Amino acid sequence: MKYENFEDVPVWKSGVDLTVKVFEVTENSAFRGRGDIANQIQRASLSVSNNIAEGFERGTTPELIQFLYYAKGSAGEVRSICHVIERMAAFNHLRSQISDLKSLARSISRQLGGWAFSLQETDIKGTRHLTEKSKNTYRRQAEAQELMEQLNRDYQKQLRKD
């Protein structure tokens, strides 16, 4: 599926959900006096959706892939911080929320990995790389494919008549 705006991409929406949930969890008083851990997990979660957006807006497939991996790294950072938090007694009452954050971050990481892999398999390198010549080449290939499919349909009809 082709998306026109990063706001339409499901994994970007999941990244925003992750950030909102992280900010809600870190409002808990258990985070006070625990150093910079709340700020760190907030920044890491925010980096997920921001990197997806930035990569999407860059206009080239290689840059998008690079930023998807940055986002994937940030999702991993959120999970890592959650592992630290869940080992601290002060956060025992937040175990369920922390588990939910880890699950969502893991899901996002899988989605990002799948998207990046699928992009690596394409020969289109992004809008900046689509010159008039390459656009014409892709158009001619599509027209040739359509012609071959029409010829095949016509041939199959002819066989049924005979």
N, C-alpha and C. Protein backbone atom coordinates (compact mmCIF):
# COMPACT_ATOMS: atom_id res chain seq x y z
N MET A 1 0.84 -1.18 0.00
CA MET A 1 0.00 0.00 0.00
C MET A 1 0.88 1.24 0.00
N LYS A 2 0.47 2.24 -0.74
CA LYS A 2 1.23 3.49 -0.83
C LYS A 2 0.53 4.55 0.02
N TYR A 3 1.31 5.21 0.85
CA TYR A 3 0.79 6.26 1.72
C TYR A 3 1.23 7.62 1.19
N GLU A 4 0.32 8.57 1.21
CA GLU A 4 0.62 9.92 0.76
C GLU A 4 1.22 10.77 1.87
N ASN A 5 0.84 10.51 3.12
CA ASN A 5 1.29 11.29 4.26
C ASN A 5 1.73 10.35 5.37
N PHE A 6 2.75 10.76 6.11
CA PHE A 6 3.21 9.90 7.20
C PHE A 6 2.12 9.70 8.24
N GLU A 7 1.21 10.67 8.36
CA GLU A 7 0.12 10.54 9.33
C GLU A 7 -0.82 9.38 9.02
N ASP A 8 -0.77 8.87 7.81
CA ASP A 8 -1.62 7.75 7.41
C ASP A 8 -0.98 6.39 7.68
N VAL A 9 0.30 6.38 7.99
CA VAL A 9 1.04 5.14 8.16
C VAL A 9 0.70 4.52 9.53
N PRO A 10 0.22 3.28 9.56
CA PRO A 10 -0.18 2.67 10.83
C PRO A 10 0.92 2.63 11.88
N VAL A 11 2.15 2.36 11.50
CA VAL A 11 3.22 2.27 12.51
C VAL A 11 3.54 3.66 13.06
N TRP A 12 3.35 4.71 12.30
CA TRP A 12 3.54 6.06 12.85
C TRP A 12 2.48 6.31 13.92
N LYS A 13 1.23 5.90 13.63
CA LYS A 13 0.16 6.06 14.62
C LYS A 13 0.46 5.28 15.89
N SER A 14 1.01 4.08 15.73
CA SER A 14 1.40 3.29 16.90
C SER A 14 2.51 3.98 17.68
N GLY A 15 3.43 4.62 16.96
CA GLY A 15 4.50 5.36 17.62
C GLY A 15 3.95 6.51 18.46
N VAL A 16 2.95 7.19 17.93
CA VAL A 16 2.30 8.28 18.69
C VAL A 16 1.60 7.70 19.91
N ASP A 17 0.92 6.57 19.74
CA ASP A 17 0.27 5.91 20.87
C ASP A 17 1.29 5.56 21.96
N LEU A 18 2.43 5.04 21.54
CA LEU A 18 3.49 4.69 22.49
C LEU A 18 3.92 5.93 23.28
N THR A 19 4.13 7.03 22.58
CA THR A 19 4.58 8.25 23.25
C THR A 19 3.55 8.73 24.26
N VAL A 20 2.29 8.73 23.88
CA VAL A 20 1.23 9.18 24.79
C VAL A 20 1.21 8.29 26.04
N LYS A 21 1.32 6.98 25.84
CA LYS A 21 1.30 6.06 26.98
C LYS A 21 2.53 6.25 27.87
N VAL A 22 3.68 6.49 27.26
CA VAL A 22 4.90 6.73 28.05
C VAL A 22 4.72 7.99 28.89
N PHE A 23 4.21 9.05 28.30
CA PHE A 23 4.02 10.29 29.05
C PHE A 23 3.01 10.10 30.18
N GLU A 24 1.98 9.30 29.94
CA GLU A 24 1.00 9.04 31.00
C GLU A 24 1.63 8.25 32.15
N VAL A 25 2.41 7.22 31.82
CA VAL A 25 3.05 6.41 32.86
C VAL A 25 4.06 7.24 33.64
N THR A 26 4.83 8.07 32.95
CA THR A 26 5.89 8.82 33.64
C THR A 26 5.35 9.98 34.47
N GLU A 27 4.05 10.23 34.41
CA GLU A 27 3.45 11.21 35.32
C GLU A 27 3.37 10.67 36.75
N ASN A 28 3.52 9.36 36.89
CA ASN A 28 3.43 8.73 38.20
C ASN A 28 4.55 9.24 39.11
N SER A 29 4.23 9.44 40.37
CA SER A 29 5.19 10.00 41.32
C SER A 29 6.42 9.11 41.53
N ALA A 30 6.35 7.85 41.18
CA ALA A 30 7.50 6.96 41.34
C ALA A 30 8.70 7.42 40.50
N PHE A 31 8.44 8.19 39.48
CA PHE A 31 9.53 8.67 38.62
C PHE A 31 10.27 9.86 39.22
N ARG A 32 9.66 10.51 40.19
CA ARG A 32 10.32 11.66 40.82
C ARG A 32 11.50 11.21 41.65
N GLY A 33 12.59 11.90 41.52
CA GLY A 33 13.78 11.57 42.29
C GLY A 33 14.53 10.35 41.77
N ARG A 34 14.23 9.93 40.57
CA ARG A 34 14.88 8.75 39.97
C ARG A 34 15.79 9.16 38.82
N GLY A 35 16.39 10.31 38.93
CA GLY A 35 17.30 10.77 37.89
C GLY A 35 16.54 11.18 36.64
N ASP A 36 17.13 10.91 35.52
CA ASP A 36 16.61 11.37 34.23
C ASP A 36 15.84 10.29 33.49
N ILE A 37 15.45 9.24 34.19
CA ILE A 37 14.84 8.09 33.50
C ILE A 37 13.52 8.43 32.81
N ALA A 38 12.71 9.27 33.43
CA ALA A 38 11.43 9.66 32.81
C ALA A 38 11.69 10.43 31.52
N ASN A 39 12.60 11.39 31.60
CA ASN A 39 12.93 12.18 30.43
C ASN A 39 13.52 11.32 29.32
N GLN A 40 14.36 10.36 29.68
CA GLN A 40 15.01 9.50 28.69
C GLN A 40 13.99 8.63 27.95
N ILE A 41 13.06 8.03 28.67
CA ILE A 41 12.08 7.17 28.01
C ILE A 41 11.09 8.02 27.20
N GLN A 42 10.80 9.22 27.68
CA GLN A 42 9.94 10.12 26.91
C GLN A 42 10.59 10.50 25.58
N ARG A 43 11.87 10.87 25.63
CA ARG A 43 12.57 11.25 24.41
C ARG A 43 12.71 10.07 23.45
N ALA A 44 12.99 8.89 23.99
CA ALA A 44 13.13 7.70 23.14
C ALA A 44 11.81 7.37 22.45
N SER A 45 10.71 7.45 23.20
CA SER A 45 9.41 7.14 22.60
C SER A 45 9.02 8.18 21.55
N LEU A 46 9.30 9.43 21.82
CA LEU A 46 9.01 10.49 20.86
C LEU A 46 9.83 10.34 19.59
N SER A 47 11.04 9.81 19.72
CA SER A 47 11.90 9.60 18.55
C SER A 47 11.34 8.57 17.58
N VAL A 48 10.52 7.66 18.08
CA VAL A 48 9.96 6.63 17.19
C VAL A 48 9.13 7.29 16.10
N SER A 49 8.09 8.00 16.47
CA SER A 49 7.21 8.62 15.46
C SER A 49 7.91 9.74 14.72
N ASN A 50 8.78 10.48 15.40
CA ASN A 50 9.49 11.58 14.73
C ASN A 50 10.44 11.07 13.64
N ASN A 51 11.12 9.97 13.89
CA ASN A 51 12.02 9.43 12.87
C ASN A 51 11.25 8.85 11.69
N ILE A 52 10.11 8.25 11.95
CA ILE A 52 9.27 7.76 10.85
C ILE A 52 8.84 8.95 9.99
N ALA A 53 8.39 10.01 10.64
CA ALA A 53 7.94 11.21 9.91
C ALA A 53 9.08 11.83 9.12
N GLU A 54 10.24 11.97 9.75
CA GLU A 54 11.35 12.60 9.05
C GLU A 54 11.80 11.77 7.86
N GLY A 55 11.92 10.48 8.05
CA GLY A 55 12.31 9.61 6.93
C GLY A 55 11.32 9.66 5.79
N PHE A 56 10.04 9.67 6.13
CA PHE A 56 8.99 9.72 5.12
C PHE A 56 9.08 11.01 4.30
N GLU A 57 9.38 12.09 4.98
CA GLU A 57 9.42 13.40 4.32
C GLU A 57 10.71 13.64 3.55
N ARG A 58 11.72 12.83 3.75
CA ARG A 58 13.01 13.03 3.08
C ARG A 58 12.93 12.86 1.58
N GLY A 59 12.07 11.96 1.11
CA GLY A 59 11.86 11.84 -0.33
C GLY A 59 12.67 10.78 -1.05
N THR A 60 13.54 10.07 -0.36
CA THR A 60 14.26 8.98 -1.01
C THR A 60 14.08 7.71 -0.20
N THR A 61 14.07 6.60 -0.89
CA THR A 61 13.91 5.32 -0.23
C THR A 61 15.08 5.03 0.71
N PRO A 62 16.34 5.24 0.30
CA PRO A 62 17.43 4.95 1.22
C PRO A 62 17.35 5.78 2.52
N GLU A 63 16.96 7.03 2.41
CA GLU A 63 16.83 7.85 3.62
C GLU A 63 15.68 7.36 4.49
N LEU A 64 14.56 6.99 3.86
CA LEU A 64 13.44 6.46 4.63
C LEU A 64 13.87 5.22 5.39
N ILE A 65 14.56 4.31 4.71
CA ILE A 65 15.03 3.09 5.36
C ILE A 65 15.93 3.43 6.55
N GLN A 66 16.85 4.36 6.35
CA GLN A 66 17.75 4.77 7.42
C GLN A 66 16.97 5.27 8.64
N PHE A 67 15.97 6.11 8.41
CA PHE A 67 15.20 6.66 9.52
C PHE A 67 14.27 5.62 10.15
N LEU A 68 13.82 4.64 9.35
CA LEU A 68 13.03 3.56 9.94
C LEU A 68 13.89 2.77 10.94
N TYR A 69 15.17 2.58 10.59
CA TYR A 69 16.05 1.89 11.53
C TYR A 69 16.37 2.75 12.75
N TYR A 70 16.44 4.06 12.59
CA TYR A 70 16.59 4.94 13.75
C TYR A 70 15.36 4.76 14.67
N ALA A 71 14.18 4.77 14.06
CA ALA A 71 12.94 4.61 14.83
C ALA A 71 12.93 3.25 15.53
N LYS A 72 13.37 2.22 14.82
CA LYS A 72 13.44 0.88 15.40
C LYS A 72 14.40 0.87 16.59
N GLY A 73 15.52 1.55 16.46
CA GLY A 73 16.46 1.67 17.57
C GLY A 73 15.84 2.37 18.77
N SER A 74 15.06 3.40 18.51
CA SER A 74 14.39 4.12 19.61
C SER A 74 13.36 3.24 20.29
N ALA A 75 12.65 2.42 19.52
CA ALA A 75 11.70 1.48 20.12
C ALA A 75 12.44 0.49 21.01
N GLY A 76 13.62 0.06 20.57
CA GLY A 76 14.45 -0.81 21.40
C GLY A 76 14.90 -0.12 22.67
N GLU A 77 15.21 1.16 22.56
CA GLU A 77 15.62 1.93 23.73
C GLU A 77 14.47 2.01 24.75
N VAL A 78 13.25 2.20 24.27
CA VAL A 78 12.09 2.23 25.17
C VAL A 78 11.98 0.89 25.91
N ARG A 79 12.12 -0.21 25.16
CA ARG A 79 12.03 -1.53 25.79
C ARG A 79 13.14 -1.73 26.83
N SER A 80 14.34 -1.30 26.49
CA SER A 80 15.46 -1.45 27.42
C SER A 80 15.20 -0.68 28.72
N ILE A 81 14.72 0.53 28.61
CA ILE A 81 14.42 1.33 29.80
C ILE A 81 13.32 0.66 30.61
N CYS A 82 12.34 0.10 29.92
CA CYS A 82 11.26 -0.61 30.62
C CYS A 82 11.80 -1.80 31.41
N HIS A 83 12.78 -2.50 30.86
CA HIS A 83 13.39 -3.62 31.58
C HIS A 83 14.07 -3.13 32.86
N VAL A 84 14.73 -2.00 32.78
CA VAL A 84 15.38 -1.43 33.97
C VAL A 84 14.32 -1.05 35.00
N ILE A 85 13.29 -0.34 34.55
CA ILE A 85 12.25 0.13 35.46
C ILE A 85 11.56 -1.03 36.17
N GLU A 86 11.26 -2.08 35.44
CA GLU A 86 10.51 -3.17 36.06
C GLU A 86 11.35 -3.94 37.10
N ARG A 87 12.63 -3.74 37.11
CA ARG A 87 13.49 -4.38 38.12
C ARG A 87 13.61 -3.54 39.39
N MET A 88 13.08 -2.33 39.34
CA MET A 88 13.17 -1.43 40.49
C MET A 88 11.89 -1.54 41.33
N ALA A 89 12.06 -1.77 42.61
CA ALA A 89 10.92 -1.96 43.50
C ALA A 89 9.95 -0.78 43.50
N ALA A 90 10.48 0.41 43.30
CA ALA A 90 9.63 1.61 43.33
C ALA A 90 8.57 1.60 42.24
N PHE A 91 8.77 0.76 41.23
CA PHE A 91 7.83 0.72 40.09
C PHE A 91 6.97 -0.54 40.07
N ASN A 92 6.98 -1.32 41.14
CA ASN A 92 6.20 -2.57 41.17
C ASN A 92 4.73 -2.36 40.84
N HIS A 93 4.17 -1.26 41.30
CA HIS A 93 2.74 -0.99 41.07
C HIS A 93 2.45 -0.62 39.60
N LEU A 94 3.50 -0.43 38.79
CA LEU A 94 3.32 -0.08 37.38
C LEU A 94 3.67 -1.24 36.43
N ARG A 95 3.82 -2.44 36.97
CA ARG A 95 4.25 -3.58 36.15
C ARG A 95 3.37 -3.80 34.93
N SER A 96 2.08 -3.70 35.08
CA SER A 96 1.16 -3.93 33.96
C SER A 96 1.37 -2.89 32.86
N GLN A 97 1.48 -1.62 33.25
CA GLN A 97 1.69 -0.56 32.26
C GLN A 97 3.05 -0.70 31.58
N ILE A 98 4.05 -1.07 32.34
CA ILE A 98 5.39 -1.26 31.78
C ILE A 98 5.39 -2.42 30.79
N SER A 99 4.70 -3.49 31.14
CA SER A 99 4.57 -4.63 30.24
C SER A 99 3.87 -4.23 28.94
N ASP A 100 2.83 -3.41 29.06
CA ASP A 100 2.12 -2.92 27.87
C ASP A 100 3.04 -2.07 26.99
N LEU A 101 3.86 -1.22 27.61
CA LEU A 101 4.80 -0.40 26.85
C LEU A 101 5.80 -1.27 26.10
N LYS A 102 6.31 -2.30 26.77
CA LYS A 102 7.27 -3.20 26.11
C LYS A 102 6.61 -3.92 24.93
N SER A 103 5.39 -4.37 25.12
CA SER A 103 4.68 -5.08 24.04
C SER A 103 4.44 -4.17 22.84
N LEU A 104 4.02 -2.94 23.10
CA LEU A 104 3.77 -2.00 22.02
C LEU A 104 5.07 -1.65 21.31
N ALA A 105 6.13 -1.42 22.06
CA ALA A 105 7.43 -1.09 21.46
C ALA A 105 7.94 -2.28 20.63
N ARG A 106 7.73 -3.49 21.10
CA ARG A 106 8.15 -4.69 20.36
C ARG A 106 7.36 -4.81 19.05
N SER A 107 6.07 -4.56 19.11
CA SER A 107 5.23 -4.60 17.91
C SER A 107 5.67 -3.56 16.89
N ILE A 108 5.95 -2.37 17.37
CA ILE A 108 6.42 -1.29 16.49
C ILE A 108 7.74 -1.68 15.84
N SER A 109 8.62 -2.26 16.62
CA SER A 109 9.92 -2.68 16.11
C SER A 109 9.76 -3.71 14.98
N ARG A 110 8.87 -4.66 15.18
CA ARG A 110 8.61 -5.68 14.14
C ARG A 110 8.05 -5.03 12.88
N GLN A 111 7.10 -4.11 13.05
CA GLN A 111 6.50 -3.44 11.89
C GLN A 111 7.55 -2.64 11.13
N LEU A 112 8.39 -1.93 11.86
CA LEU A 112 9.43 -1.13 11.21
C LEU A 112 10.41 -2.02 10.46
N GLY A 113 10.79 -3.14 11.07
CA GLY A 113 11.70 -4.07 10.40
C GLY A 113 11.10 -4.62 9.12
N GLY A 114 9.82 -4.97 9.17
CA GLY A 114 9.14 -5.48 7.98
C GLY A 114 9.05 -4.43 6.89
N TRP A 115 8.73 -3.20 7.27
CA TRP A 115 8.61 -2.13 6.28
C TRP A 115 9.98 -1.85 5.65
N ALA A 116 11.00 -1.76 6.48
CA ALA A 116 12.35 -1.50 5.95
C ALA A 116 12.78 -2.62 5.00
N PHE A 117 12.51 -3.86 5.37
CA PHE A 117 12.87 -4.99 4.51
C PHE A 117 12.15 -4.90 3.17
N SER A 118 10.86 -4.58 3.20
CA SER A 118 10.12 -4.50 1.93
C SER A 118 10.64 -3.36 1.06
N LEU A 119 11.06 -2.27 1.68
CA LEU A 119 11.61 -1.15 0.91
C LEU A 119 12.96 -1.50 0.30
N GLN A 120 13.71 -2.33 0.98
CA GLN A 120 15.02 -2.74 0.46
C GLN A 120 14.87 -3.62 -0.78
N GLU A 121 13.70 -4.22 -0.94
CA GLU A 121 13.47 -5.12 -2.08
C GLU A 121 12.97 -4.38 -3.32
N THR A 122 12.67 -3.09 -3.22
CA THR A 122 12.14 -2.34 -4.35
C THR A 122 13.26 -1.71 -5.16
N ASP A 123 13.00 -1.54 -6.46
CA ASP A 123 14.01 -0.90 -7.30
C ASP A 123 13.75 0.60 -7.45
N ILE A 124 12.66 1.10 -6.92
CA ILE A 124 12.37 2.53 -6.96
C ILE A 124 13.08 3.16 -5.77
N LYS A 125 13.91 4.13 -6.03
CA LYS A 125 14.74 4.72 -4.99
C LYS A 125 14.17 6.00 -4.39
N GLY A 126 12.97 6.38 -4.76
CA GLY A 126 12.34 7.56 -4.17
C GLY A 126 12.13 8.65 -5.19
N THR A 127 11.33 9.64 -4.81
CA THR A 127 10.92 10.68 -5.74
C THR A 127 12.08 11.49 -6.29
N ARG A 128 13.11 11.70 -5.50
CA ARG A 128 14.26 12.48 -5.99
C ARG A 128 15.00 11.75 -7.09
N HIS A 129 14.85 10.43 -7.12
CA HIS A 129 15.55 9.63 -8.12
C HIS A 129 14.70 9.37 -9.36
N LEU A 130 13.46 9.79 -9.34
CA LEU A 130 12.60 9.57 -10.49
C LEU A 130 12.75 10.73 -11.48
N THR A 131 13.66 10.56 -12.41
CA THR A 131 13.85 11.55 -13.47
C THR A 131 12.76 11.33 -14.52
N GLU A 132 12.68 12.23 -15.45
CA GLU A 132 11.70 12.08 -16.52
C GLU A 132 11.94 10.77 -17.27
N LYS A 133 13.20 10.46 -17.48
CA LYS A 133 13.55 9.21 -18.18
C LYS A 133 13.09 7.99 -17.38
N SER A 134 13.36 7.97 -16.08
CA SER A 134 12.96 6.80 -15.29
C SER A 134 11.44 6.72 -15.14
N LYS A 135 10.77 7.87 -15.06
CA LYS A 135 9.30 7.86 -15.01
C LYS A 135 8.74 7.25 -16.28
N ASN A 136 9.31 7.65 -17.42
CA ASN A 136 8.86 7.09 -18.70
C ASN A 136 9.14 5.59 -18.77
N THR A 137 10.28 5.18 -18.26
CA THR A 137 10.62 3.76 -18.26
C THR A 137 9.61 2.97 -17.44
N TYR A 138 9.30 3.44 -16.21
CA TYR A 138 8.31 2.75 -15.37
C TYR A 138 6.94 2.75 -16.04
N ARG A 139 6.57 3.86 -16.68
CA ARG A 139 5.28 3.93 -17.36
C ARG A 139 5.23 2.93 -18.51
N ARG A 140 6.30 2.87 -19.32
CA ARG A 140 6.34 1.92 -20.44
C ARG A 140 6.30 0.48 -19.95
N GLN A 141 6.99 0.20 -18.84
CA GLN A 141 6.94 -1.15 -18.29
C GLN A 141 5.53 -1.52 -17.85
N ALA A 142 4.85 -0.59 -17.23
CA ALA A 142 3.47 -0.84 -16.79
C ALA A 142 2.56 -1.03 -18.00
N GLU A 143 2.74 -0.21 -19.04
CA GLU A 143 1.93 -0.36 -20.25
C GLU A 143 2.20 -1.69 -20.94
N ALA A 144 3.47 -2.09 -20.98
CA ALA A 144 3.82 -3.37 -21.60
C ALA A 144 3.21 -4.52 -20.82
N GLN A 145 3.25 -4.42 -19.50
CA GLN A 145 2.65 -5.46 -18.66
C GLN A 145 1.15 -5.54 -18.91
N GLU A 146 0.49 -4.40 -18.98
CA GLU A 146 -0.95 -4.37 -19.24
C GLU A 146 -1.27 -4.97 -20.62
N LEU A 147 -0.46 -4.64 -21.62
CA LEU A 147 -0.65 -5.20 -22.96
C LEU A 147 -0.51 -6.71 -22.94
N MET A 148 0.51 -7.22 -22.24
CA MET A 148 0.71 -8.67 -22.16
C MET A 148 -0.47 -9.34 -21.47
N GLU A 149 -0.99 -8.72 -20.43
CA GLU A 149 -2.14 -9.28 -19.73
C GLU A 149 -3.37 -9.28 -20.63
N GLN A 150 -3.56 -8.22 -21.39
CA GLN A 150 -4.70 -8.15 -22.32
C GLN A 150 -4.56 -9.21 -23.42
N LEU A 151 -3.37 -9.36 -23.96
CA LEU A 151 -3.14 -10.39 -24.97
C LEU A 151 -3.41 -11.78 -24.42
N ASN A 152 -3.00 -12.02 -23.19
CA ASN A 152 -3.25 -13.31 -22.56
C ASN A 152 -4.75 -13.54 -22.37
N ARG A 153 -5.48 -12.49 -21.94
CA ARG A 153 -6.93 -12.63 -21.78
C ARG A 153 -7.58 -12.92 -23.12
N ASP A 154 -7.17 -12.20 -24.16
CA ASP A 154 -7.72 -12.44 -25.49
C ASP A 154 -7.41 -13.85 -25.98
N TYR A 155 -6.20 -14.31 -25.72
CA TYR A 155 -5.79 -15.65 -26.12
C TYR A 155 -6.63 -16.71 -25.41
N GLN A 156 -6.85 -16.51 -24.10
CA GLN A 156 -7.66 -17.45 -23.33
C GLN A 156 -9.10 -17.49 -23.85
N LYS A 157 -9.66 -16.34 -24.22
CA LYS A 157 -11.01 -16.29 -24.80
C LYS A 157 -11.06 -17.06 -26.10
N GLN A 158 -10.04 -16.87 -26.91
CA GLN A 158 -9.98 -17.54 -28.20
C GLN A 158 -9.91 -19.06 -28.02
N LEU A 159 -9.15 -19.52 -27.05
CA LEU A 159 -9.04 -20.95 -26.78
C LEU A 159 -10.37 -21.53 -26.34
N ARG A 160 -11.14 -20.78 -25.56
CA ARG A 160 -12.45 -21.26 -25.10
C ARG A 160 -13.43 -21.36 -26.25
N LYS A 161 -13.30 -20.48 -27.25
CA LYS A 161 -14.20 -20.51 -28.40
C LYS A 161 -13.91 -21.72 -29.29
N ASP A 162 -12.64 -22.09 -29.38
CA ASP A 162 -12.25 -23.19 -30.27
C ASP A 162 -12.53 -24.51 -29.70
